[in-house]
PDB file of all heavy atoms in Angstrom:
ATOM      1  N   ARG A   1     -42.453  83.827 -49.280  1.00  0.00           N
ATOM      2  CA  ARG A   1     -42.916  83.581 -47.914  1.00  0.00           C
ATOM      3  C   ARG A   1     -44.205  82.792 -47.913  1.00  0.00           C
ATOM      4  O   ARG A   1     -44.406  81.894 -47.090  1.00  0.00           O
ATOM      5  CB  ARG A   1     -43.108  84.912 -47.186  1.00  0.00           C
ATOM      6  CG  ARG A   1     -41.800  85.649 -46.892  1.00  0.00           C
ATOM      7  CD  ARG A   1     -42.058  86.789 -45.909  1.00  0.00           C
ATOM      8  NE  ARG A   1     -40.888  87.627 -45.775  1.00  0.00           N
ATOM      9  CZ  ARG A   1     -40.731  88.777 -46.397  1.00  0.00           C
ATOM     10  NH1 ARG A   1     -41.707  89.231 -47.211  1.00  0.00           N
ATOM     11  NH2 ARG A   1     -39.642  89.496 -46.227  1.00  0.00           N
ATOM     12  N   GLN A   2     -45.125  83.082 -48.800  1.00  0.00           N
ATOM     13  CA  GLN A   2     -46.394  82.370 -48.858  1.00  0.00           C
ATOM     14  C   GLN A   2     -46.174  80.891 -49.191  1.00  0.00           C
ATOM     15  O   GLN A   2     -46.833  80.012 -48.635  1.00  0.00           O
ATOM     16  CB  GLN A   2     -47.314  83.037 -49.897  1.00  0.00           C
ATOM     17  CG  GLN A   2     -47.765  84.451 -49.497  1.00  0.00           C
ATOM     18  CD  GLN A   2     -48.568  84.460 -48.205  1.00  0.00           C
ATOM     19  OE1 GLN A   2     -49.304  83.502 -47.901  1.00  0.00           O
ATOM     20  NE2 GLN A   2     -48.444  85.553 -47.440  1.00  0.00           N
ATOM     21  N   ARG A   3     -45.294  80.639 -50.158  1.00  0.00           N
ATOM     22  CA  ARG A   3     -45.037  79.239 -50.506  1.00  0.00           C
ATOM     23  C   ARG A   3     -44.421  78.475 -49.340  1.00  0.00           C
ATOM     24  O   ARG A   3     -44.742  77.318 -49.091  1.00  0.00           O
ATOM     25  CB  ARG A   3     -44.124  79.179 -51.737  1.00  0.00           C
ATOM     26  CG  ARG A   3     -44.851  79.530 -53.031  1.00  0.00           C
ATOM     27  CD  ARG A   3     -43.997  79.131 -54.235  1.00  0.00           C
ATOM     28  NE  ARG A   3     -42.800  79.928 -54.351  1.00  0.00           N
ATOM     29  CZ  ARG A   3     -42.714  81.053 -55.043  1.00  0.00           C
ATOM     30  NH1 ARG A   3     -43.796  81.533 -55.678  1.00  0.00           N
ATOM     31  NH2 ARG A   3     -41.592  81.721 -55.104  1.00  0.00           N
ATOM     32  N   LEU A   4     -43.475  79.080 -48.593  1.00  0.00           N
ATOM     33  CA  LEU A   4     -42.891  78.433 -47.423  1.00  0.00           C
ATOM     34  C   LEU A   4     -43.941  78.178 -46.349  1.00  0.00           C
ATOM     35  O   LEU A   4     -43.911  77.134 -45.673  1.00  0.00           O
ATOM     36  CB  LEU A   4     -41.752  79.282 -46.856  1.00  0.00           C
ATOM     37  CG  LEU A   4     -40.479  79.372 -47.717  1.00  0.00           C
ATOM     38  CD1 LEU A   4     -39.476  80.344 -47.104  1.00  0.00           C
ATOM     39  CD2 LEU A   4     -39.832  77.987 -47.839  1.00  0.00           C
ATOM     40  N   LYS A   5     -44.839  79.076 -46.139  1.00  0.00           N
ATOM     41  CA  LYS A   5     -45.888  78.868 -45.149  1.00  0.00           C
ATOM     42  C   LYS A   5     -46.789  77.707 -45.515  1.00  0.00           C
ATOM     43  O   LYS A   5     -47.236  76.949 -44.660  1.00  0.00           O
ATOM     44  CB  LYS A   5     -46.706  80.141 -44.985  1.00  0.00           C
ATOM     45  CG  LYS A   5     -45.963  81.263 -44.279  1.00  0.00           C
ATOM     46  CD  LYS A   5     -46.851  82.507 -44.166  1.00  0.00           C
ATOM     47  CE  LYS A   5     -46.105  83.654 -43.458  1.00  0.00           C
ATOM     48  NZ  LYS A   5     -46.961  84.863 -43.353  1.00  0.00           N
ATOM     49  N   ARG A   6     -47.087  77.615 -46.827  1.00  0.00           N
ATOM     50  CA  ARG A   6     -47.927  76.492 -47.236  1.00  0.00           C
ATOM     51  C   ARG A   6     -47.191  75.152 -47.080  1.00  0.00           C
ATOM     52  O   ARG A   6     -47.798  74.129 -46.777  1.00  0.00           O
ATOM     53  CB  ARG A   6     -48.368  76.690 -48.688  1.00  0.00           C
ATOM     54  CG  ARG A   6     -49.400  77.803 -48.849  1.00  0.00           C
ATOM     55  CD  ARG A   6     -50.032  77.726 -50.232  1.00  0.00           C
ATOM     56  NE  ARG A   6     -49.044  77.948 -51.290  1.00  0.00           N
ATOM     57  CZ  ARG A   6     -48.775  79.134 -51.810  1.00  0.00           C
ATOM     58  NH1 ARG A   6     -49.423  80.223 -51.355  1.00  0.00           N
ATOM     59  NH2 ARG A   6     -47.878  79.247 -52.760  1.00  0.00           N
ATOM     60  N   ALA A   7     -45.854  75.175 -47.332  1.00  0.00           N
ATOM     61  CA  ALA A   7     -45.092  73.917 -47.205  1.00  0.00           C
ATOM     62  C   ALA A   7     -44.878  73.533 -45.750  1.00  0.00           C
ATOM     63  O   ALA A   7     -44.905  72.346 -45.386  1.00  0.00           O
ATOM     64  CB  ALA A   7     -43.737  74.045 -47.923  1.00  0.00           C
ATOM     65  N   PHE A   8     -44.604  74.489 -44.907  1.00  0.00           N
ATOM     66  CA  PHE A   8     -44.349  74.236 -43.475  1.00  0.00           C
ATOM     67  C   PHE A   8     -45.294  75.098 -42.661  1.00  0.00           C
ATOM     68  O   PHE A   8     -44.915  76.179 -42.184  1.00  0.00           O
ATOM     69  CB  PHE A   8     -42.898  74.564 -43.102  1.00  0.00           C
ATOM     70  CG  PHE A   8     -41.890  73.797 -43.910  1.00  0.00           C
ATOM     71  CD1 PHE A   8     -41.269  74.402 -45.006  1.00  0.00           C
ATOM     72  CD2 PHE A   8     -41.589  72.493 -43.598  1.00  0.00           C
ATOM     73  CE1 PHE A   8     -40.355  73.711 -45.751  1.00  0.00           C
ATOM     74  CE2 PHE A   8     -40.662  71.791 -44.349  1.00  0.00           C
ATOM     75  CZ  PHE A   8     -40.055  72.398 -45.435  1.00  0.00           C
ATOM     76  N   PRO A   9     -46.486  74.625 -42.456  1.00  0.00           N
ATOM     77  CA  PRO A   9     -47.438  75.446 -41.695  1.00  0.00           C
ATOM     78  C   PRO A   9     -47.043  75.496 -40.231  1.00  0.00           C
ATOM     79  O   PRO A   9     -46.493  74.549 -39.693  1.00  0.00           O
ATOM     80  CB  PRO A   9     -48.769  74.723 -41.902  1.00  0.00           C
ATOM     81  CG  PRO A   9     -48.392  73.324 -42.206  1.00  0.00           C
ATOM     82  CD  PRO A   9     -47.093  73.400 -42.967  1.00  0.00           C
ATOM     83  N   ARG A  10     -47.326  76.604 -39.614  1.00  0.00           N
ATOM     84  CA  ARG A  10     -46.971  76.790 -38.201  1.00  0.00           C
ATOM     85  C   ARG A  10     -47.867  75.971 -37.287  1.00  0.00           C
ATOM     86  O   ARG A  10     -47.466  75.594 -36.189  1.00  0.00           O
ATOM     87  CB  ARG A  10     -47.068  78.266 -37.825  1.00  0.00           C
ATOM     88  CG  ARG A  10     -46.018  79.123 -38.510  1.00  0.00           C
ATOM     89  CD  ARG A  10     -46.118  80.559 -38.042  1.00  0.00           C
ATOM     90  NE  ARG A  10     -45.102  81.394 -38.676  1.00  0.00           N
ATOM     91  CZ  ARG A  10     -44.972  82.705 -38.437  1.00  0.00           C
ATOM     92  NH1 ARG A  10     -45.814  83.313 -37.600  1.00  0.00           N
ATOM     93  NH2 ARG A  10     -44.028  83.391 -39.053  1.00  0.00           N
ATOM     94  N   ASP A  11     -49.049  75.641 -37.676  1.00  0.00           N
ATOM     95  CA  ASP A  11     -49.963  74.889 -36.812  1.00  0.00           C
ATOM     96  C   ASP A  11     -49.725  73.387 -36.894  1.00  0.00           C
ATOM     97  O   ASP A  11     -50.513  72.599 -36.398  1.00  0.00           O
ATOM     98  CB  ASP A  11     -51.409  75.211 -37.171  1.00  0.00           C
ATOM     99  CG  ASP A  11     -51.690  74.924 -38.642  1.00  0.00           C
ATOM    100  OD1 ASP A  11     -50.716  74.588 -39.375  1.00  0.00           O
ATOM    101  OD2 ASP A  11     -52.852  75.030 -39.048  1.00  0.00           O
ATOM    102  N   GLY A  12     -48.601  72.922 -37.504  1.00  0.00           N
ATOM    103  CA  GLY A  12     -48.287  71.509 -37.588  1.00  0.00           C
ATOM    104  C   GLY A  12     -48.695  70.886 -38.891  1.00  0.00           C
ATOM    105  O   GLY A  12     -48.153  69.857 -39.284  1.00  0.00           O
ATOM    106  N   GLY A  13     -49.592  71.379 -39.574  1.00  0.00           N
ATOM    107  CA  GLY A  13     -49.984  70.853 -40.867  1.00  0.00           C
ATOM    108  C   GLY A  13     -50.573  69.460 -40.730  1.00  0.00           C
ATOM    109  O   GLY A  13     -50.964  69.000 -39.659  1.00  0.00           O
ATOM    110  N   PRO A  14     -50.551  68.713 -41.807  1.00  0.00           N
ATOM    111  CA  PRO A  14     -51.107  67.352 -41.766  1.00  0.00           C
ATOM    112  C   PRO A  14     -50.221  66.409 -40.991  1.00  0.00           C
ATOM    113  O   PRO A  14     -49.007  66.398 -41.153  1.00  0.00           O
ATOM    114  CB  PRO A  14     -51.193  66.972 -43.257  1.00  0.00           C
ATOM    115  CG  PRO A  14     -50.165  67.825 -43.909  1.00  0.00           C
ATOM    116  CD  PRO A  14     -50.147  69.113 -43.174  1.00  0.00           C
ATOM    117  N   LYS A  15     -50.760  65.588 -40.138  1.00  0.00           N
ATOM    118  CA  LYS A  15     -50.006  64.655 -39.306  1.00  0.00           C
ATOM    119  C   LYS A  15     -49.805  63.337 -40.040  1.00  0.00           C
ATOM    120  O   LYS A  15     -50.638  62.938 -40.856  1.00  0.00           O
ATOM    121  CB  LYS A  15     -50.755  64.400 -37.999  1.00  0.00           C
ATOM    122  CG  LYS A  15     -50.891  65.654 -37.157  1.00  0.00           C
ATOM    123  CD  LYS A  15     -51.582  65.342 -35.855  1.00  0.00           C
ATOM    124  CE  LYS A  15     -51.718  66.600 -34.996  1.00  0.00           C
ATOM    125  NZ  LYS A  15     -52.393  66.327 -33.710  1.00  0.00           N
ATOM    126  N   PRO A  16     -48.620  62.623 -39.784  1.00  0.00           N
ATOM    127  CA  PRO A  16     -48.382  61.336 -40.443  1.00  0.00           C
ATOM    128  C   PRO A  16     -49.400  60.315 -39.976  1.00  0.00           C
ATOM    129  O   PRO A  16     -49.923  60.403 -38.871  1.00  0.00           O
ATOM    130  CB  PRO A  16     -46.970  60.954 -39.993  1.00  0.00           C
ATOM    131  CG  PRO A  16     -46.770  61.700 -38.723  1.00  0.00           C
ATOM    132  CD  PRO A  16     -47.536  62.985 -38.870  1.00  0.00           C
ATOM    133  N   PRO A  17     -49.623  59.330 -40.803  1.00  0.00           N
ATOM    134  CA  PRO A  17     -50.625  58.316 -40.421  1.00  0.00           C
ATOM    135  C   PRO A  17     -50.131  57.493 -39.237  1.00  0.00           C
ATOM    136  O   PRO A  17     -48.959  57.171 -39.134  1.00  0.00           O
ATOM    137  CB  PRO A  17     -50.763  57.466 -41.689  1.00  0.00           C
ATOM    138  CG  PRO A  17     -49.478  57.668 -42.418  1.00  0.00           C
ATOM    139  CD  PRO A  17     -49.058  59.074 -42.143  1.00  0.00           C
ATOM    140  N   GLN A  18     -51.011  57.116 -38.339  1.00  0.00           N
ATOM    141  CA  GLN A  18     -50.692  56.323 -37.160  1.00  0.00           C
ATOM    142  C   GLN A  18     -50.682  54.831 -37.505  1.00  0.00           C
ATOM    143  O   GLN A  18     -51.511  54.359 -38.283  1.00  0.00           O
ATOM    144  CB  GLN A  18     -51.724  56.589 -36.052  1.00  0.00           C
ATOM    145  CG  GLN A  18     -51.753  58.027 -35.587  1.00  0.00           C
ATOM    146  CD  GLN A  18     -50.492  58.411 -34.848  1.00  0.00           C
ATOM    147  OE1 GLN A  18     -49.851  57.563 -34.235  1.00  0.00           O
ATOM    148  NE2 GLN A  18     -50.132  59.688 -34.924  1.00  0.00           N
ATOM    149  N   LEU A  19     -49.593  54.064 -36.926  1.00  0.00           N
ATOM    150  CA  LEU A  19     -49.487  52.626 -37.161  1.00  0.00           C
ATOM    151  C   LEU A  19     -50.494  51.899 -36.278  1.00  0.00           C
ATOM    152  O   LEU A  19     -50.547  52.124 -35.066  1.00  0.00           O
ATOM    153  CB  LEU A  19     -48.084  52.119 -36.850  1.00  0.00           C
ATOM    154  CG  LEU A  19     -46.966  52.611 -37.776  1.00  0.00           C
ATOM    155  CD1 LEU A  19     -45.619  52.088 -37.285  1.00  0.00           C
ATOM    156  CD2 LEU A  19     -47.210  52.152 -39.203  1.00  0.00           C
ATOM    157  N   ASN A  20     -51.202  50.987 -36.891  1.00  0.00           N
ATOM    158  CA  ASN A  20     -52.108  50.170 -36.101  1.00  0.00           C
ATOM    159  C   ASN A  20     -51.402  48.914 -35.618  1.00  0.00           C
ATOM    160  O   ASN A  20     -50.236  48.670 -35.915  1.00  0.00           O
ATOM    161  CB  ASN A  20     -53.355  49.816 -36.917  1.00  0.00           C
ATOM    162  CG  ASN A  20     -52.988  49.149 -38.241  1.00  0.00           C
ATOM    163  OD1 ASN A  20     -51.896  48.599 -38.362  1.00  0.00           O
ATOM    164  ND2 ASN A  20     -53.887  49.206 -39.217  1.00  0.00           N
ATOM    165  N   ARG A  21     -52.077  48.048 -34.884  1.00  0.00           N
ATOM    166  CA  ARG A  21     -51.475  46.853 -34.284  1.00  0.00           C
ATOM    167  C   ARG A  21     -51.042  45.852 -35.345  1.00  0.00           C
ATOM    168  O   ARG A  21     -49.980  45.246 -35.244  1.00  0.00           O
ATOM    169  CB  ARG A  21     -52.478  46.208 -33.326  1.00  0.00           C
ATOM    170  CG  ARG A  21     -51.930  45.010 -32.598  1.00  0.00           C
ATOM    171  CD  ARG A  21     -52.948  44.501 -31.604  1.00  0.00           C
ATOM    172  NE  ARG A  21     -52.429  43.361 -30.869  1.00  0.00           N
ATOM    173  CZ  ARG A  21     -53.129  42.700 -29.928  1.00  0.00           C
ATOM    174  NH1 ARG A  21     -54.374  43.113 -29.612  1.00  0.00           N
ATOM    175  NH2 ARG A  21     -52.583  41.677 -29.306  1.00  0.00           N
ATOM    176  N   GLN A  22     -51.826  45.704 -36.371  1.00  0.00           N
ATOM    177  CA  GLN A  22     -51.503  44.750 -37.418  1.00  0.00           C
ATOM    178  C   GLN A  22     -50.213  45.143 -38.144  1.00  0.00           C
ATOM    179  O   GLN A  22     -49.350  44.300 -38.415  1.00  0.00           O
ATOM    180  CB  GLN A  22     -52.661  44.653 -38.400  1.00  0.00           C
ATOM    181  CG  GLN A  22     -52.443  43.607 -39.498  1.00  0.00           C
ATOM    182  CD  GLN A  22     -53.639  43.507 -40.422  1.00  0.00           C
ATOM    183  OE1 GLN A  22     -54.602  44.277 -40.279  1.00  0.00           O
ATOM    184  NE2 GLN A  22     -53.598  42.578 -41.355  1.00  0.00           N
ATOM    185  N   SER A  23     -50.080  46.430 -38.430  1.00  0.00           N
ATOM    186  CA  SER A  23     -48.855  46.893 -39.096  1.00  0.00           C
ATOM    187  C   SER A  23     -47.637  46.680 -38.208  1.00  0.00           C
ATOM    188  O   SER A  23     -46.559  46.274 -38.675  1.00  0.00           O
ATOM    189  CB  SER A  23     -49.006  48.371 -39.467  1.00  0.00           C
ATOM    190  OG  SER A  23     -50.090  48.560 -40.333  1.00  0.00           O
ATOM    191  N   ALA A  24     -47.782  46.946 -36.919  1.00  0.00           N
ATOM    192  CA  ALA A  24     -46.658  46.747 -36.010  1.00  0.00           C
ATOM    193  C   ALA A  24     -46.238  45.284 -35.959  1.00  0.00           C
ATOM    194  O   ALA A  24     -45.049  44.952 -35.960  1.00  0.00           O
ATOM    195  CB  ALA A  24     -47.022  47.253 -34.617  1.00  0.00           C
ATOM    196  N   LEU A  25     -47.233  44.370 -35.950  1.00  0.00           N
ATOM    197  CA  LEU A  25     -46.899  42.948 -35.929  1.00  0.00           C
ATOM    198  C   LEU A  25     -46.190  42.516 -37.200  1.00  0.00           C
ATOM    199  O   LEU A  25     -45.257  41.704 -37.173  1.00  0.00           O
ATOM    200  CB  LEU A  25     -48.167  42.118 -35.723  1.00  0.00           C
ATOM    201  CG  LEU A  25     -48.832  42.236 -34.345  1.00  0.00           C
ATOM    202  CD1 LEU A  25     -50.130  41.430 -34.311  1.00  0.00           C
ATOM    203  CD2 LEU A  25     -47.876  41.748 -33.245  1.00  0.00           C
ATOM    204  N   LEU A  26     -46.631  43.066 -38.332  1.00  0.00           N
ATOM    205  CA  LEU A  26     -45.974  42.738 -39.588  1.00  0.00           C
ATOM    206  C   LEU A  26     -44.520  43.209 -39.598  1.00  0.00           C
ATOM    207  O   LEU A  26     -43.611  42.502 -40.067  1.00  0.00           O
ATOM    208  CB  LEU A  26     -46.744  43.352 -40.764  1.00  0.00           C
ATOM    209  CG  LEU A  26     -48.099  42.730 -41.066  1.00  0.00           C
ATOM    210  CD1 LEU A  26     -48.796  43.501 -42.176  1.00  0.00           C
ATOM    211  CD2 LEU A  26     -47.947  41.257 -41.457  1.00  0.00           C
ATOM    212  N   ILE A  27     -44.293  44.389 -39.066  1.00  0.00           N
ATOM    213  CA  ILE A  27     -42.917  44.913 -39.026  1.00  0.00           C
ATOM    214  C   ILE A  27     -42.046  44.046 -38.109  1.00  0.00           C
ATOM    215  O   ILE A  27     -40.916  43.682 -38.444  1.00  0.00           O
ATOM    216  CB  ILE A  27     -42.937  46.383 -38.570  1.00  0.00           C
ATOM    217  CG1 ILE A  27     -43.613  47.248 -39.641  1.00  0.00           C
ATOM    218  CG2 ILE A  27     -41.513  46.872 -38.301  1.00  0.00           C
ATOM    219  CD1 ILE A  27     -43.774  48.692 -39.223  1.00  0.00           C
ATOM    220  N   VAL A  28     -42.593  43.709 -36.943  1.00  0.00           N
ATOM    221  CA  VAL A  28     -41.818  42.877 -36.013  1.00  0.00           C
ATOM    222  C   VAL A  28     -41.532  41.503 -36.627  1.00  0.00           C
ATOM    223  O   VAL A  28     -40.428  40.953 -36.506  1.00  0.00           O
ATOM    224  CB  VAL A  28     -42.565  42.734 -34.679  1.00  0.00           C
ATOM    225  CG1 VAL A  28     -41.882  41.711 -33.784  1.00  0.00           C
ATOM    226  CG2 VAL A  28     -42.638  44.085 -33.979  1.00  0.00           C
ATOM    227  N   ALA A  29     -42.515  40.931 -37.324  1.00  0.00           N
ATOM    228  CA  ALA A  29     -42.321  39.633 -37.957  1.00  0.00           C
ATOM    229  C   ALA A  29     -41.249  39.712 -39.041  1.00  0.00           C
ATOM    230  O   ALA A  29     -40.407  38.817 -39.185  1.00  0.00           O
ATOM    231  CB  ALA A  29     -43.630  39.127 -38.539  1.00  0.00           C
ATOM    232  N   GLY A  30     -41.272  40.792 -39.815  1.00  0.00           N
ATOM    233  CA  GLY A  30     -40.254  40.947 -40.854  1.00  0.00           C
ATOM    234  C   GLY A  30     -38.855  41.064 -40.275  1.00  0.00           C
ATOM    235  O   GLY A  30     -37.898  40.449 -40.776  1.00  0.00           O
ATOM    236  N   VAL A  31     -38.752  41.855 -39.208  1.00  0.00           N
ATOM    237  CA  VAL A  31     -37.433  41.982 -38.562  1.00  0.00           C
ATOM    238  C   VAL A  31     -36.975  40.633 -38.005  1.00  0.00           C
ATOM    239  O   VAL A  31     -35.799  40.252 -38.098  1.00  0.00           O
ATOM    240  CB  VAL A  31     -37.487  43.053 -37.466  1.00  0.00           C
ATOM    241  CG1 VAL A  31     -36.191  43.064 -36.657  1.00  0.00           C
ATOM    242  CG2 VAL A  31     -37.734  44.421 -38.072  1.00  0.00           C
ATOM    243  N   GLY A  32     -37.918  39.853 -37.422  1.00  0.00           N
ATOM    244  CA  GLY A  32     -37.558  38.546 -36.886  1.00  0.00           C
ATOM    245  C   GLY A  32     -37.091  37.585 -37.968  1.00  0.00           C
ATOM    246  O   GLY A  32     -36.148  36.816 -37.779  1.00  0.00           O
ATOM    247  N   VAL A  33     -37.783  37.643 -39.122  1.00  0.00           N
ATOM    248  CA  VAL A  33     -37.370  36.771 -40.223  1.00  0.00           C
ATOM    249  C   VAL A  33     -35.974  37.140 -40.712  1.00  0.00           C
ATOM    250  O   VAL A  33     -35.122  36.265 -40.952  1.00  0.00           O
ATOM    251  CB  VAL A  33     -38.403  36.847 -41.365  1.00  0.00           C
ATOM    252  CG1 VAL A  33     -37.876  36.138 -42.619  1.00  0.00           C
ATOM    253  CG2 VAL A  33     -39.725  36.219 -40.936  1.00  0.00           C
ATOM    254  N   LEU A  34     -35.723  38.427 -40.871  1.00  0.00           N
ATOM    255  CA  LEU A  34     -34.384  38.857 -41.288  1.00  0.00           C
ATOM    256  C   LEU A  34     -33.324  38.460 -40.260  1.00  0.00           C
ATOM    257  O   LEU A  34     -32.209  38.037 -40.614  1.00  0.00           O
ATOM    258  CB  LEU A  34     -34.375  40.371 -41.510  1.00  0.00           C
ATOM    259  CG  LEU A  34     -35.220  40.897 -42.667  1.00  0.00           C
ATOM    260  CD1 LEU A  34     -35.180  42.416 -42.717  1.00  0.00           C
ATOM    261  CD2 LEU A  34     -34.738  40.296 -43.997  1.00  0.00           C
ATOM    262  N   TRP A  35     -33.672  38.582 -38.973  1.00  0.00           N
ATOM    263  CA  TRP A  35     -32.714  38.183 -37.917  1.00  0.00           C
ATOM    264  C   TRP A  35     -32.439  36.680 -37.962  1.00  0.00           C
ATOM    265  O   TRP A  35     -31.316  36.223 -37.800  1.00  0.00           O
ATOM    266  CB  TRP A  35     -33.277  38.596 -36.564  1.00  0.00           C
ATOM    267  CG  TRP A  35     -32.365  38.282 -35.415  1.00  0.00           C
ATOM    268  CD1 TRP A  35     -31.172  38.840 -35.125  1.00  0.00           C
ATOM    269  CD2 TRP A  35     -32.611  37.324 -34.380  1.00  0.00           C
ATOM    270  NE1 TRP A  35     -30.642  38.300 -33.990  1.00  0.00           N
ATOM    271  CE2 TRP A  35     -31.506  37.359 -33.495  1.00  0.00           C
ATOM    272  CE3 TRP A  35     -33.664  36.448 -34.101  1.00  0.00           C
ATOM    273  CZ2 TRP A  35     -31.430  36.550 -32.372  1.00  0.00           C
ATOM    274  CZ3 TRP A  35     -33.592  35.655 -32.978  1.00  0.00           C
ATOM    275  CH2 TRP A  35     -32.490  35.701 -32.140  1.00  0.00           C
ATOM    276  N   GLY A  36     -33.484  35.877 -38.206  1.00  0.00           N
ATOM    277  CA  GLY A  36     -33.286  34.431 -38.300  1.00  0.00           C
ATOM    278  C   GLY A  36     -32.485  34.042 -39.529  1.00  0.00           C
ATOM    279  O   GLY A  36     -31.645  33.142 -39.490  1.00  0.00           O
TER     280      GLY A  36
END
């Protein structure tokens, strides 16, 4: 039980990193290049 609590904390645990504007533009550009 202790190991499961540490792996999946009830308070949400660490949050994933947030995408900034530059990363979003890079992703959109990559998708556009693949589409072209």
